[in-house]
C-alpha atoms as a PDB file:
ATOM      1  CA  MET A   1      -5.138 -47.011  -4.384  1.00  0.00           C
ATOM      2  CA  GLY A   2      -6.466 -49.316  -1.627  1.00  0.00           C
ATOM      3  CA  ILE A   3      -8.891 -51.112  -3.935  1.00  0.00           C
ATOM      4  CA  ASP A   4      -6.114 -51.839  -6.436  1.00  0.00           C
ATOM      5  CA  ILE A   5      -3.912 -53.144  -3.613  1.00  0.00           C
ATOM      6  CA  ASP A   6      -6.726 -55.399  -2.394  1.00  0.00           C
ATOM      7  CA  LYS A   7      -7.298 -56.839  -5.867  1.00  0.00           C
ATOM      8  CA  GLU A   8      -3.577 -57.365  -6.417  1.00  0.00           C
ATOM      9  CA  PHE A   9      -3.251 -58.960  -2.966  1.00  0.00           C
ATOM     10  CA  ASP A  10      -6.120 -61.357  -3.698  1.00  0.00           C
ATOM     11  CA  ARG A  11      -4.502 -62.283  -7.007  1.00  0.00           C
ATOM     12  CA  ALA A  12      -1.114 -62.778  -5.320  1.00  0.00           C
ATOM     13  CA  TYR A  13      -2.701 -64.973  -2.648  1.00  0.00           C
ATOM     14  CA  LYS A  14      -4.289 -67.173  -5.322  1.00  0.00           C
ATOM     15  CA  VAL A  15      -0.915 -67.543  -7.037  1.00  0.00           C
ATOM     16  CA  SER A  16       0.859 -68.431  -3.793  1.00  0.00           C
ATOM     17  CA  SER A  17      -1.797 -70.843  -2.580  1.00  0.00           C
ATOM     18  CA  THR A  18      -1.866 -72.827  -5.829  1.00  0.00           C
ATOM     19  CA  THR A  19       1.827 -72.976  -6.680  1.00  0.00           C
ATOM     20  CA  ASP A  20       3.822 -76.185  -6.828  1.00  0.00           C
ATOM     21  CA  ILE A  21       7.080 -74.307  -6.263  1.00  0.00           C
ATOM     22  CA  LYS A  22       8.875 -75.443  -3.109  1.00  0.00           C
ATOM     23  CA  LEU A  23      10.336 -72.468  -1.272  1.00  0.00           C
ATOM     24  CA  PRO A  24      12.868 -72.448   1.573  1.00  0.00           C
ATOM     25  CA  PRO A  25      11.380 -72.328   5.090  1.00  0.00           C
ATOM     26  CA  ASP A  26      12.597 -68.766   5.742  1.00  0.00           C
ATOM     27  CA  ILE A  27      10.747 -67.503   2.660  1.00  0.00           C
ATOM     28  CA  MET A  28       7.621 -69.433   3.639  1.00  0.00           C
ATOM     29  CA  LEU A  29       7.749 -67.731   7.048  1.00  0.00           C
ATOM     30  CA  GLN A  30       7.808 -64.362   5.306  1.00  0.00           C
ATOM     31  CA  PHE A  31       4.738 -65.327   3.280  1.00  0.00           C
ATOM     32  CA  TYR A  32       2.983 -66.433   6.473  1.00  0.00           C
ATOM     33  CA  ALA A  33       3.877 -63.307   8.442  1.00  0.00           C
ATOM     34  CA  TYR A  34       2.909 -60.828   5.730  1.00  0.00           C
ATOM     35  CA  TYR A  35      -0.338 -62.684   5.066  1.00  0.00           C
ATOM     36  CA  LYS A  36      -1.281 -62.662   8.750  1.00  0.00           C
ATOM     37  CA  GLN A  37      -0.365 -58.985   9.116  1.00  0.00           C
ATOM     38  CA  ALA A  38      -2.327 -58.133   5.961  1.00  0.00           C
ATOM     39  CA  THR A  39      -5.440 -60.036   7.018  1.00  0.00           C
ATOM     40  CA  LYS A  40      -5.389 -59.841  10.836  1.00  0.00           C
ATOM     41  CA  GLY A  41      -3.307 -56.747  11.604  1.00  0.00           C
ATOM     42  CA  ASN A  42      -0.878 -56.505  14.492  1.00  0.00           C
ATOM     43  CA  HIS A  43      -0.403 -59.558  16.651  1.00  0.00           C
ATOM     44  CA  HIS A  44      -2.209 -59.019  19.958  1.00  0.00           C
ATOM     45  CA  GLY A  45      -1.963 -61.459  22.811  1.00  0.00           C
ATOM     46  CA  PHE A  46      -1.679 -65.198  22.520  1.00  0.00           C
ATOM     47  CA  HIS A  47      -2.277 -66.788  19.161  1.00  0.00           C
ATOM     48  CA  ARG A  48      -1.453 -70.375  18.306  1.00  0.00           C
ATOM     49  CA  PRO A  49      -0.562 -70.613  14.607  1.00  0.00           C
ATOM     50  CA  SER A  50      -2.139 -73.397  12.625  1.00  0.00           C
ATOM     51  CA  GLY A  51      -0.145 -76.585  12.555  1.00  0.00           C
ATOM     52  CA  ASN A  52       0.776 -79.327  14.960  1.00  0.00           C
ATOM     53  CA  VAL A  53       4.536 -78.878  15.253  1.00  0.00           C
ATOM     54  CA  GLU A  54       5.389 -76.664  18.227  1.00  0.00           C
ATOM     55  CA  LEU A  55       8.768 -75.467  16.962  1.00  0.00           C
ATOM     56  CA  ARG A  56       7.339 -74.538  13.569  1.00  0.00           C
ATOM     57  CA  ASN A  57       4.468 -72.725  15.300  1.00  0.00           C
ATOM     58  CA  ALA A  58       6.975 -70.741  17.364  1.00  0.00           C
ATOM     59  CA  PHE A  59       8.830 -69.671  14.223  1.00  0.00           C
ATOM     60  CA  LYS A  60       5.568 -68.663  12.533  1.00  0.00           C
ATOM     61  CA  LEU A  61       4.462 -66.614  15.513  1.00  0.00           C
ATOM     62  CA  ASN A  62       7.872 -64.962  15.821  1.00  0.00           C
ATOM     63  CA  ALA A  63       7.885 -64.030  12.121  1.00  0.00           C
ATOM     64  CA  TRP A  64       4.498 -62.336  12.514  1.00  0.00           C
ATOM     65  CA  ILE A  65       5.482 -60.491  15.707  1.00  0.00           C
ATOM     66  CA  GLN A  66       8.648 -59.178  14.052  1.00  0.00           C
ATOM     67  CA  LEU A  67       6.563 -57.189  11.592  1.00  0.00           C
ATOM     68  CA  GLY A  68       5.754 -54.870  14.466  1.00  0.00           C
ATOM     69  CA  ASN A  69       3.457 -52.039  13.495  1.00  0.00           C
ATOM     70  CA  LEU A  70       3.443 -52.608   9.744  1.00  0.00           C
ATOM     71  CA  THR A  71       0.033 -51.524   8.445  1.00  0.00           C
ATOM     72  CA  GLU A  72      -2.255 -53.998   6.740  1.00  0.00           C
ATOM     73  CA  GLU A  73      -1.758 -52.175   3.429  1.00  0.00           C
ATOM     74  CA  GLU A  74       2.031 -52.219   3.797  1.00  0.00           C
ATOM     75  CA  ALA A  75       1.892 -55.948   4.547  1.00  0.00           C
ATOM     76  CA  LYS A  76      -0.212 -56.534   1.428  1.00  0.00           C
ATOM     77  CA  ILE A  77       2.347 -54.670  -0.661  1.00  0.00           C
ATOM     78  CA  GLU A  78       5.189 -56.746   0.795  1.00  0.00           C
ATOM     79  CA  TYR A  79       3.245 -59.966   0.201  1.00  0.00           C
ATOM     80  CA  ILE A  80       2.672 -58.976  -3.425  1.00  0.00           C
ATOM     81  CA  LYS A  81       6.409 -58.291  -3.789  1.00  0.00           C
ATOM     82  CA  LEU A  82       7.224 -61.761  -2.435  1.00  0.00           C
ATOM     83  CA  VAL A  83       4.906 -63.409  -4.942  1.00  0.00           C
ATOM     84  CA  LYS A  84       6.424 -61.452  -7.807  1.00  0.00           C
ATOM     85  CA  GLN A  85       9.957 -62.230  -6.641  1.00  0.00           C
ATOM     86  CA  TYR A  86       9.579 -65.952  -5.980  1.00  0.00           C
ATOM     87  CA  LEU A  87       6.535 -67.244  -7.834  1.00  0.00           C
ATOM     88  CA  GLU A  88       6.154 -65.285 -11.053  1.00  0.00           C
END
């Protein structure tokens, strides 16, 4: 099942990274958090999210931290669900 999830996650990432659809900031934070959890795992220690706006960076970091101990596979599944819900 893991291989299928990885392929579907890669496909979902391509869809999300090439879309022209403008999503609300709260949904974008969900995409960010699930992507980070899926690709980096649990947040450990200090990490400065990409971007140059401090408040936005704080929201991004908080969204990732809130995922807690979600596994990388679970995060991939949730990311895929977001793409299907909002972009397909």
